[in-house]
Amino acid sequence: MKEELLSSLVGNGPAMQQVKKLIQQVAKTDATVLILGESGTGKEVVAQSLHSVSERSDRSFIPINCGAIPGELLESELFGHEKGAFTGAITARKGRFEMAEKGTIFLDEIGDMPLPMQVKLLRVLQERMYERVGGNKSFECDVRVIAATHRNLEDNISDGTFREDLFYRLNVFPIEMPSLRERPEDIPDLFDFMFHKIQNSGRTVPKLSEKAMIALQRYSWPGNVRELGNLAERLSILFPDLTVDYDDLPVKYQVELEEDASLIRVDSTILESAKPDLGQSSSQIALNTTEPEVTQQITENSDGTENASSLGMPDLDSGLDLKSYLVEMEVQLIQKALVQTDGNVSQAAKLLQTNRTTLVEKIRKFNLS
């Protein structure tokens, strides 16, 4: 039953498989989790899923958006207040931590929390105690803390807007939620999921033609899953029970396509059947390894024998199309790095010593999803 709850995380591509794997690993513990990712990627869904498969799933999941509440009210919202604590406090009131006792509290947009509140939150995480505003009684705190942000907190530490000690308290177990443009193979499943929700409300929904879906997979999705849900709703209103073709899409989604463009699909064979037994962890190649050494380590098995699928040294006697050979070698190296890191693009980029964005573009270019 608990495993089924992860189905709310739509997508079977390598990036989402990695997210689900991390959730299952950390759910067995009470470790504090920090979910990172752009706005609209579904960070709260990850938090809810984590709570649902944890040992605290029979207790409350209490979310609070730290960026949506004025700083002067946030302390009362988090820790509660006593009667008469301030003007308008005509009765005592529980805070979110008290509501979440024995359960989970989700601190969304933690990067927007004012510095004075960061100090008070740090104390709670360190001492597992807090007081209501206007009170002097200490309450014990038995709560699983999950935080999330779209900000780069390390940059915020550098500019003095986020406390370094709080960052390390929160960043015990980070989970990075990929942007939608980094997992185009999941877009058909996401539209199916959104249309199914709309259908359950008693409305009819459209179908997307193959060309329309190919274009949507190549769109950049700055608003991520939230934007996709918005588009699904709009198309359902405009084209109920009809087929939406490429030309029916709003203009900004009509991405220019190459003649041979095709659907990006989840290829499980790349990640499973091709997975080598390297006998190493996902950090097996040091970042200062030279390029020839990286090539050798990725294309050889742990016993030193050459992998059958690697290109090896070419025969130059009959000539060589260098450009094609280098492209083929690049594809193999990217595949091996993805296999070696269980599809984690960030880790694969580190192995290949390249920028993550660059690697995502190459995965899309070579249709390696």
Protein backbone atom coordinates (compact mmCIF):
# COMPACT_ATOMS: atom_id res chain seq x y z
CA MET A 1 0.00 0.00 0.00
CA LYS A 2 2.76 2.45 0.93
CA GLU A 3 4.58 1.81 -2.35
CA GLU A 4 1.38 2.61 -4.24
CA LEU A 5 1.32 6.07 -2.68
CA LEU A 6 4.44 6.93 -4.69
CA SER A 7 2.27 6.72 -7.82
CA SER A 8 1.26 10.34 -7.16
CA LEU A 9 4.76 11.16 -8.43
CA VAL A 10 4.00 10.86 -12.13
CA GLY A 11 6.81 9.74 -14.41
CA ASN A 12 8.94 6.67 -15.07
CA GLY A 13 12.00 8.31 -16.59
CA PRO A 14 15.41 7.98 -14.89
CA ALA A 15 15.16 11.33 -13.08
CA MET A 16 11.85 10.47 -11.40
CA GLN A 17 12.98 6.92 -10.66
CA GLN A 18 15.89 8.43 -8.76
CA VAL A 19 13.55 10.72 -6.79
CA LYS A 20 11.31 7.77 -5.83
CA LYS A 21 14.35 5.73 -4.82
CA LEU A 22 15.60 8.52 -2.53
CA ILE A 23 12.14 8.89 -0.95
CA GLN A 24 11.98 5.19 -0.13
CA GLN A 25 15.48 5.28 1.36
CA VAL A 26 14.96 8.28 3.64
CA ALA A 27 11.36 7.43 4.60
CA LYS A 28 12.68 4.68 6.88
CA THR A 29 14.38 7.31 9.04
CA ASP A 30 13.45 10.55 10.80
CA ALA A 31 16.18 12.52 9.03
CA THR A 32 15.45 16.11 8.07
CA VAL A 33 14.95 16.44 4.30
CA LEU A 34 15.55 19.43 2.03
CA ILE A 35 13.74 19.32 -1.31
CA LEU A 36 15.33 21.49 -4.00
CA GLY A 37 13.90 22.48 -7.34
CA GLU A 38 12.39 25.19 -9.49
CA SER A 39 8.93 26.58 -8.79
CA GLY A 40 6.17 24.34 -10.07
CA THR A 41 8.17 21.10 -10.13
CA GLY A 42 6.05 19.40 -7.44
CA LYS A 43 8.13 19.74 -4.28
CA GLU A 44 5.08 19.55 -2.01
CA VAL A 45 3.96 16.35 -3.76
CA VAL A 46 7.38 14.87 -2.93
CA ALA A 47 6.97 15.93 0.71
CA GLN A 48 3.48 14.41 0.92
CA SER A 49 4.69 11.19 -0.69
CA LEU A 50 7.61 10.97 1.72
CA HIS A 51 5.26 11.41 4.69
CA SER A 52 2.83 8.85 3.26
CA VAL A 53 5.43 6.08 3.09
CA SER A 54 7.06 6.91 6.44
CA GLU A 55 6.37 5.49 9.89
CA ARG A 56 4.54 8.74 10.70
CA SER A 57 1.97 8.30 7.91
CA ASP A 58 -0.90 7.78 10.41
CA ARG A 59 -0.25 11.24 11.89
CA SER A 60 -0.72 14.74 10.49
CA PHE A 61 1.11 16.27 7.54
CA ILE A 62 1.13 20.04 8.18
CA PRO A 63 2.35 22.36 5.38
CA ILE A 64 3.20 26.03 5.73
CA ASN A 65 4.51 28.43 3.08
CA CYS A 66 7.19 30.49 4.81
CA GLY A 67 7.20 33.03 1.99
CA ALA A 68 3.46 33.70 2.05
CA ILE A 69 3.20 34.83 5.69
CA PRO A 70 4.51 38.22 6.91
CA GLY A 71 7.58 37.90 9.11
CA GLU A 72 5.86 39.37 12.16
CA LEU A 73 3.15 36.68 12.00
CA LEU A 74 5.30 33.70 11.08
CA GLU A 75 6.47 32.95 14.64
CA SER A 76 2.87 32.72 15.85
CA GLU A 77 1.94 30.53 12.88
CA LEU A 78 4.79 28.13 13.55
CA PHE A 79 4.79 27.97 17.35
CA GLY A 80 1.35 29.27 18.39
CA HIS A 81 0.54 31.97 20.91
CA GLU A 82 -0.99 32.42 24.36
CA LYS A 83 -4.06 34.48 25.12
CA GLY A 84 -3.17 38.17 25.27
CA ALA A 85 0.23 37.66 23.62
CA PHE A 86 -0.53 40.55 21.25
CA THR A 87 -3.45 42.73 20.19
CA GLY A 88 -6.16 40.47 18.83
CA ALA A 89 -4.95 37.31 20.59
CA ILE A 90 -8.22 36.77 22.45
CA THR A 91 -7.61 33.03 22.86
CA ALA A 92 -4.61 30.73 22.95
CA ARG A 93 -3.81 29.06 19.63
CA LYS A 94 -1.74 26.07 18.57
CA GLY A 95 1.03 26.58 16.03
CA ARG A 96 1.90 24.34 13.10
CA PHE A 97 4.62 22.49 15.04
CA GLU A 98 2.11 21.60 17.74
CA MET A 99 -0.43 20.49 15.12
CA ALA A 100 2.22 18.29 13.51
CA GLU A 101 3.24 16.54 16.76
CA LYS A 102 4.29 12.92 16.03
CA GLY A 103 3.74 13.70 12.34
CA THR A 104 5.45 15.80 9.67
CA ILE A 105 5.76 19.55 9.13
CA PHE A 106 6.54 20.82 5.63
CA LEU A 107 8.31 24.19 5.55
CA ASP A 108 7.82 25.32 1.97
CA GLU A 109 9.94 28.17 0.55
CA ILE A 110 12.27 28.04 3.54
CA GLY A 111 14.65 30.34 1.66
CA ASP A 112 12.17 33.20 2.13
CA MET A 113 12.15 32.91 5.93
CA PRO A 114 13.37 36.13 7.64
CA LEU A 115 16.70 35.88 9.49
CA PRO A 116 15.21 36.40 13.01
CA MET A 117 12.89 33.42 12.43
CA GLN A 118 15.78 31.35 11.11
CA VAL A 119 17.45 31.70 14.52
CA LYS A 120 14.32 30.44 16.30
CA LEU A 121 13.83 27.56 13.89
CA LEU A 122 17.47 26.54 14.36
CA ARG A 123 16.91 26.31 18.13
CA VAL A 124 13.91 24.04 17.60
CA LEU A 125 15.91 21.74 15.31
CA GLN A 126 18.81 21.64 17.78
CA GLU A 127 16.96 21.33 21.07
CA ARG A 128 13.62 19.90 19.93
CA MET A 129 11.87 22.44 22.19
CA TYR A 130 9.84 25.61 21.56
CA GLU A 131 7.59 28.12 23.34
CA ARG A 132 4.38 29.75 22.20
CA VAL A 133 4.51 33.50 21.60
CA GLY A 134 3.74 35.25 24.90
CA GLY A 135 4.29 32.10 26.94
CA ASN A 136 7.13 30.69 29.04
CA LYS A 137 6.18 27.01 28.98
CA SER A 138 8.43 24.84 26.83
CA PHE A 139 6.88 22.22 24.56
CA GLU A 140 8.76 19.13 23.45
CA CYS A 141 8.88 18.70 19.69
CA ASP A 142 8.59 15.24 18.10
CA VAL A 143 8.12 16.24 14.47
CA ARG A 144 9.65 15.15 11.16
CA VAL A 145 10.86 18.29 9.36
CA ILE A 146 10.80 18.53 5.56
CA ALA A 147 11.79 21.84 3.98
CA ALA A 148 11.77 23.01 0.37
CA THR A 149 13.02 25.93 -1.67
CA HIS A 150 13.46 27.09 -5.25
CA ARG A 151 16.42 29.23 -4.20
CA ASN A 152 20.11 28.37 -4.16
CA LEU A 153 20.63 28.49 -0.40
CA GLU A 154 24.42 28.40 -0.71
CA ASP A 155 24.23 31.64 -2.71
CA ASN A 156 21.92 33.05 -0.04
CA ILE A 157 24.48 32.12 2.63
CA SER A 158 27.12 34.03 0.67
CA ASP A 159 24.97 37.16 0.45
CA GLY A 160 23.99 36.95 4.12
CA THR A 161 20.28 36.20 3.72
CA PHE A 162 20.39 32.61 4.99
CA ARG A 163 22.17 31.15 8.00
CA GLU A 164 24.85 28.57 7.26
CA ASP A 165 24.20 26.64 10.49
CA LEU A 166 20.49 26.33 9.64
CA PHE A 167 21.36 25.18 6.13
CA TYR A 168 23.40 22.26 7.47
CA ARG A 169 20.60 21.36 9.90
CA LEU A 170 18.12 21.22 7.03
CA ASN A 171 20.35 19.74 4.34
CA VAL A 172 20.81 16.37 6.05
CA PHE A 173 19.23 14.53 3.13
CA PRO A 174 18.71 16.62 -0.03
CA ILE A 175 16.33 15.54 -2.79
CA GLU A 176 16.58 17.43 -6.08
CA MET A 177 13.32 17.65 -8.01
CA PRO A 178 14.14 17.84 -11.74
CA SER A 179 12.61 20.52 -13.91
CA LEU A 180 10.13 19.38 -16.56
CA ARG A 181 12.50 20.25 -19.41
CA GLU A 182 14.94 17.74 -17.88
CA ARG A 183 12.44 14.88 -18.10
CA PRO A 184 10.55 15.26 -21.39
CA GLU A 185 9.92 11.51 -21.49
CA ASP A 186 7.42 11.97 -18.61
CA ILE A 187 5.29 14.61 -20.38
CA PRO A 188 2.82 12.15 -22.02
CA ASP A 189 2.17 10.51 -18.63
CA LEU A 190 1.70 13.91 -17.00
CA PHE A 191 -0.90 14.96 -19.58
CA ASP A 192 -2.69 11.63 -19.09
CA PHE A 193 -2.69 12.24 -15.34
CA MET A 194 -4.03 15.80 -15.70
CA PHE A 195 -6.70 14.78 -18.20
CA HIS A 196 -7.77 11.93 -15.93
CA LYS A 197 -8.26 14.37 -13.04
CA ILE A 198 -10.36 16.62 -15.28
CA GLN A 199 -12.36 13.63 -16.51
CA ASN A 200 -13.10 12.62 -12.91
CA SER A 201 -14.81 15.98 -12.43
CA GLY A 202 -17.37 14.98 -15.07
CA ARG A 203 -15.90 16.79 -18.07
CA THR A 204 -14.70 15.44 -21.40
CA VAL A 205 -11.06 15.81 -22.35
CA PRO A 206 -9.13 16.03 -25.63
CA LYS A 207 -6.48 13.78 -27.12
CA LEU A 208 -3.12 15.09 -28.24
CA SER A 209 -1.82 14.17 -31.69
CA GLU A 210 1.67 12.72 -31.94
CA LYS A 211 3.06 15.87 -33.53
CA ALA A 212 1.53 18.03 -30.79
CA MET A 213 3.09 15.80 -28.13
CA ILE A 214 6.50 15.90 -29.86
CA ALA A 215 6.35 19.71 -29.77
CA LEU A 216 5.30 19.74 -26.12
CA GLN A 217 8.24 17.48 -25.25
CA ARG A 218 10.60 20.01 -26.83
CA TYR A 219 9.09 23.09 -25.17
CA SER A 220 11.16 24.52 -22.30
CA TRP A 221 8.35 24.60 -19.64
CA PRO A 222 9.53 27.53 -17.48
CA GLY A 223 6.49 26.98 -15.24
CA ASN A 224 7.15 23.24 -15.01
CA VAL A 225 4.33 20.84 -14.00
CA ARG A 226 2.18 23.74 -12.80
CA GLU A 227 2.28 25.21 -16.31
CA LEU A 228 1.51 21.82 -17.86
CA GLY A 229 -1.57 21.48 -15.64
CA ASN A 230 -2.68 24.94 -16.71
CA LEU A 231 -2.34 24.00 -20.39
CA ALA A 232 -4.21 20.71 -19.89
CA GLU A 233 -7.10 22.62 -18.32
CA ARG A 234 -7.16 25.17 -21.16
CA LEU A 235 -7.09 22.52 -23.89
CA SER A 236 -9.90 20.65 -22.15
CA ILE A 237 -12.08 23.76 -22.32
CA LEU A 238 -11.21 24.57 -25.95
CA PHE A 239 -11.22 21.04 -27.42
CA PRO A 240 -13.50 18.76 -25.39
CA ASP A 241 -13.57 15.23 -26.83
CA LEU A 242 -11.50 16.37 -29.85
CA THR A 243 -7.94 15.74 -31.07
CA VAL A 244 -5.52 18.61 -30.49
CA ASP A 245 -3.05 18.89 -33.36
CA TYR A 246 0.19 20.85 -33.50
CA ASP A 247 -1.52 23.87 -35.12
CA ASP A 248 -4.16 23.92 -32.36
CA LEU A 249 -1.59 24.50 -29.63
CA PRO A 250 -1.08 28.06 -28.35
CA VAL A 251 1.63 29.67 -30.47
CA LYS A 252 4.37 29.56 -27.83
CA TYR A 253 4.05 25.77 -27.64
CA GLN A 254 4.43 25.35 -31.42
CA VAL A 255 8.14 24.58 -31.18
CA GLU A 256 9.92 24.28 -34.52
CA LEU A 257 10.50 20.59 -35.22
CA GLU A 258 13.05 18.76 -37.33
CA GLU A 259 11.64 16.51 -40.05
CA ASP A 260 12.75 13.35 -38.25
CA ALA A 261 11.60 14.47 -34.79
CA SER A 262 9.98 11.68 -32.81
CA LEU A 263 8.51 11.06 -29.38
CA ILE A 264 10.99 10.87 -26.52
CA ARG A 265 10.26 7.63 -24.70
CA VAL A 266 11.45 5.96 -21.52
CA ASP A 267 14.02 3.36 -22.58
CA SER A 268 14.38 1.01 -19.64
CA THR A 269 16.83 -1.19 -21.52
CA ILE A 270 19.49 1.51 -21.40
CA LEU A 271 19.32 1.75 -17.61
CA GLU A 272 18.76 -1.92 -16.78
CA SER A 273 20.09 -4.40 -19.33
CA ALA A 274 23.12 -2.26 -20.14
CA LYS A 275 24.04 -1.67 -16.51
CA PRO A 276 27.61 -2.89 -15.94
CA ASP A 277 28.94 -4.42 -12.75
CA LEU A 278 31.63 -1.89 -11.94
CA GLY A 279 31.97 -2.71 -8.27
CA GLN A 280 32.11 1.01 -7.46
CA SER A 281 29.89 3.60 -5.86
CA SER A 282 28.24 6.44 -7.75
CA SER A 283 31.22 8.65 -6.90
CA GLN A 284 33.70 6.20 -8.42
CA ILE A 285 35.56 8.63 -10.68
CA ALA A 286 37.37 11.55 -9.07
CA LEU A 287 36.59 14.98 -10.43
CA ASN A 288 40.23 15.61 -11.27
CA THR A 289 40.52 12.51 -13.48
CA THR A 290 41.84 13.33 -16.93
CA GLU A 291 39.63 12.89 -20.00
CA PRO A 292 41.43 9.78 -21.34
CA GLU A 293 41.20 8.18 -17.88
CA VAL A 294 37.46 8.92 -17.71
CA THR A 295 36.98 7.28 -21.10
CA GLN A 296 38.95 4.22 -20.02
CA GLN A 297 37.17 3.85 -16.68
CA ILE A 298 33.68 4.19 -18.10
CA THR A 299 34.21 1.87 -21.07
CA GLU A 300 35.96 -0.92 -19.17
CA ASN A 301 34.53 -3.41 -16.71
CA SER A 302 35.95 -3.76 -13.20
CA ASP A 303 38.08 -6.74 -14.25
CA GLY A 304 39.91 -4.57 -16.81
CA THR A 305 38.38 -6.23 -19.87
CA GLU A 306 36.95 -4.01 -22.55
CA ASN A 307 33.17 -3.73 -22.53
CA ALA A 308 31.72 -5.39 -25.64
CA SER A 309 29.64 -2.34 -26.45
CA SER A 310 32.54 0.13 -26.34
CA LEU A 311 34.07 1.36 -29.56
CA GLY A 312 37.69 0.56 -28.71
CA MET A 313 40.52 1.84 -30.87
CA PRO A 314 39.46 2.26 -34.51
CA ASP A 315 41.34 0.83 -37.50
CA LEU A 316 42.83 3.82 -39.32
CA ASP A 317 44.17 1.84 -42.29
CA SER A 318 40.92 2.25 -44.26
CA GLY A 319 40.30 5.81 -43.09
CA LEU A 320 37.97 7.20 -40.44
CA ASP A 321 35.01 9.58 -40.30
CA LEU A 322 36.31 11.39 -37.23
CA LYS A 323 33.17 13.46 -36.63
CA SER A 324 30.86 10.43 -36.65
CA TYR A 325 33.29 8.42 -34.51
CA LEU A 326 33.49 11.17 -31.84
CA VAL A 327 29.70 11.54 -31.76
CA GLU A 328 29.33 7.78 -31.28
CA MET A 329 31.93 7.79 -28.52
CA GLU A 330 30.19 10.73 -26.82
CA VAL A 331 26.85 8.88 -26.90
CA GLN A 332 28.41 5.78 -25.33
CA LEU A 333 30.10 7.80 -22.59
CA ILE A 334 26.87 9.60 -21.70
CA GLN A 335 24.98 6.27 -21.61
CA LYS A 336 27.62 4.73 -19.36
CA ALA A 337 27.60 7.73 -17.01
CA LEU A 338 23.79 7.58 -16.74
CA VAL A 339 23.89 3.85 -16.06
CA GLN A 340 26.64 4.25 -13.49
CA THR A 341 24.65 6.91 -11.58
CA ASP A 342 21.25 5.21 -11.87
CA GLY A 343 20.02 7.97 -14.17
CA ASN A 344 21.02 10.88 -11.92
CA VAL A 345 21.86 13.63 -14.41
CA SER A 346 23.66 15.80 -11.84
CA GLN A 347 26.00 12.97 -10.83
CA ALA A 348 26.52 11.95 -14.46
CA ALA A 349 27.51 15.53 -15.30
CA LYS A 350 30.11 15.43 -12.50
CA LEU A 351 31.54 12.17 -13.82
CA LEU A 352 31.84 13.66 -17.29
CA GLN A 353 33.09 16.99 -15.92
CA THR A 354 30.50 18.96 -17.83
CA ASN A 355 27.74 21.43 -17.01
CA ARG A 356 24.44 19.78 -16.03
CA THR A 357 22.46 21.92 -18.51
CA THR A 358 24.85 20.95 -21.31
CA LEU A 359 24.41 17.26 -20.49
CA VAL A 360 20.61 17.59 -20.47
CA GLU A 361 20.75 19.14 -23.94
CA LYS A 362 22.97 16.31 -25.23
CA ILE A 363 20.64 13.67 -23.75
CA ARG A 364 17.76 15.32 -25.59
CA LYS A 365 19.79 15.76 -28.80
CA PHE A 366 20.81 12.09 -28.91
CA ASN A 367 17.38 10.88 -27.69
CA LEU A 368 18.95 9.06 -24.72
CA SER A 369 16.07 9.55 -22.25
